[in-house]
Structures are given as structure tokens and as C-alpha cells.
């Protein structure tokens, strides 16, 4: 059996009354805009900004042997880590596929 506690109304809603409007906020406008711009200008990555963690996150969207997820507090630091991750993955790919010649199909 489900009981309903009528002892005390909680929150912004009370029995028999209309719900109170709650204002909608968007947090960290500049940081979210920077993440969106970086995602547009840097193909192959999905870039997000966590309003709770206050971190920029980049997720590689191309096929990789293991997931590539990078986090940093600044957008500049995230760009540096993204470059390093791309360079490391390209070097690993070049070592494993030495028989492939670039430019020939």
C-alpha cells in the first residue's frame, strides 16, 4: 500500500495550488561558447564543458583502439592535450602500418 504524507508540503508545490514558476538559468556562458567553437573548428573531436566539474572535456570521435577522453581546466590546455593525443595516435598508427604508403591508392 502506498501512503501519502500530508503532514507538511515541501518544495514550491502545495496541494491545491498552481506550481510556482522556476527561473531557467544557463551557467558559464563564455566557457560553453568556447567549447562549442572548439568543437566546430576542430574536426574529429566532440568538445563539452561541464558546469558541475568546471572542466573542458574532449572526446575523440574517430575510431581508436581505446576511448580517448581528455579533460583540462582551460581551453588552451585542452588544445595542447588534443594535439599531443593526435600526434601519439598517428605515430602509433604509422608504426603498426609500415607497409602502407601515403598518397598511393
Protein backbone atom coordinates (compact mmCIF):
# COMPACT_ATOMS: atom_id res chain seq x y z
CA UNK A 1 0.00 0.00 0.00
CA UNK A 2 1.27 3.48 -0.88
CA UNK A 3 0.75 6.16 1.70
CA UNK A 4 0.86 9.83 1.09
CA UNK A 5 2.32 12.06 3.76
CA UNK A 6 0.10 15.11 4.19
CA UNK A 7 1.84 16.41 7.26
CA UNK A 8 3.82 19.11 5.53
CA UNK A 9 4.02 20.33 1.96
CA UNK A 10 7.56 20.52 0.62
CA UNK A 11 9.23 22.49 -2.11
CA UNK A 12 7.48 25.03 -4.30
CA UNK A 13 4.36 22.97 -4.89
CA UNK A 14 1.45 22.77 -2.49
CA UNK A 15 -1.72 20.78 -2.75
CA UNK A 16 -4.47 22.70 -4.49
CA UNK A 17 -2.21 25.49 -5.74
CA UNK A 18 -0.57 26.08 -9.08
CA UNK A 19 3.11 25.26 -9.38
CA UNK A 20 5.40 28.22 -8.87
CA UNK A 21 7.46 29.12 -11.94
CA UNK A 22 11.14 28.32 -11.56
CA UNK A 23 13.56 30.56 -13.47
CA UNK A 24 15.76 28.85 -16.05
CA UNK A 25 19.46 29.61 -15.76
CA UNK A 26 22.30 28.79 -18.11
CA UNK A 27 25.66 28.70 -16.39
CA UNK A 28 29.12 29.63 -17.67
CA UNK A 29 28.11 31.21 -20.97
CA UNK A 30 31.65 32.02 -22.09
CA UNK A 31 33.09 28.59 -21.32
CA UNK A 32 30.21 26.78 -23.04
CA UNK A 33 30.60 29.04 -26.08
CA UNK A 34 34.36 28.35 -26.21
CA UNK A 35 33.71 24.60 -26.09
CA UNK A 36 31.13 24.87 -28.89
CA UNK A 37 33.51 26.93 -31.04
CA UNK A 38 36.36 24.47 -30.49
CA UNK A 39 34.09 21.58 -31.50
CA UNK A 40 33.23 23.38 -34.74
CA UNK A 41 36.81 24.31 -35.60
CA UNK A 42 38.46 21.03 -34.57
CA UNK A 43 37.04 18.12 -36.60
CA UNK A 44 37.21 14.65 -35.13
CA UNK A 45 36.55 15.77 -31.57
CA UNK A 46 33.44 16.32 -29.51
CA UNK A 47 34.11 19.11 -27.01
CA UNK A 48 31.98 19.75 -23.94
CA UNK A 49 32.12 21.94 -20.85
CA UNK A 50 30.97 20.52 -17.53
CA UNK A 51 29.23 23.17 -15.46
CA UNK A 52 29.46 20.99 -12.36
CA UNK A 53 33.08 19.97 -12.76
CA UNK A 54 34.20 23.27 -14.34
CA UNK A 55 36.30 21.26 -16.80
CA UNK A 56 36.55 21.16 -20.58
CA UNK A 57 36.20 17.62 -21.97
CA UNK A 58 37.25 16.41 -25.43
CA UNK A 59 36.23 13.00 -26.78
CA UNK A 60 37.77 11.61 -29.96
CA UNK A 61 35.05 10.72 -32.48
CA UNK A 62 37.23 8.74 -34.89
CA UNK A 63 37.84 5.00 -34.45
CA UNK A 64 40.58 4.36 -31.89
CA UNK A 65 41.81 1.18 -30.20
CA UNK A 66 40.66 2.58 -26.84
CA UNK A 67 38.46 5.57 -26.00
CA UNK A 68 40.30 8.90 -25.97
CA UNK A 69 38.88 11.30 -23.40
CA UNK A 70 40.80 14.40 -22.34
CA UNK A 71 39.99 16.92 -19.59
CA UNK A 72 41.53 20.26 -18.67
CA UNK A 73 40.60 23.39 -16.74
CA UNK A 74 41.44 25.74 -19.64
CA UNK A 75 40.64 25.64 -23.33
CA UNK A 76 44.32 26.26 -24.19
CA UNK A 77 45.42 23.31 -22.09
CA UNK A 78 42.78 21.16 -23.74
CA UNK A 79 44.05 22.13 -27.21
CA UNK A 80 47.61 21.16 -26.24
CA UNK A 81 46.45 17.78 -24.95
CA UNK A 82 44.34 17.21 -28.08
CA UNK A 83 47.38 17.87 -30.31
CA UNK A 84 49.51 15.51 -28.23
CA UNK A 85 46.84 12.78 -28.39
CA UNK A 86 46.53 13.13 -32.17
CA UNK A 87 50.32 13.03 -32.58
CA UNK A 88 50.65 9.93 -30.37
CA UNK A 89 47.85 8.11 -32.20
CA UNK A 90 49.32 8.99 -35.61
CA UNK A 91 52.76 7.76 -34.54
CA UNK A 92 51.27 4.53 -33.22
CA UNK A 93 49.31 4.08 -36.47
CA UNK A 94 52.44 4.73 -38.57
CA UNK A 95 54.40 2.12 -36.62
CA UNK A 96 51.71 -0.54 -36.96
CA UNK A 97 51.02 0.05 -40.65
CA UNK A 98 54.51 0.44 -42.09
CA UNK A 99 53.56 -1.39 -45.28
CA UNK A 100 51.05 1.33 -46.26
CA UNK A 101 52.47 4.14 -48.37
CA UNK A 102 50.87 7.53 -48.06
CA UNK A 103 49.46 9.03 -51.24
CA UNK A 104 49.01 5.78 -53.17
CA UNK A 105 45.61 4.15 -53.50
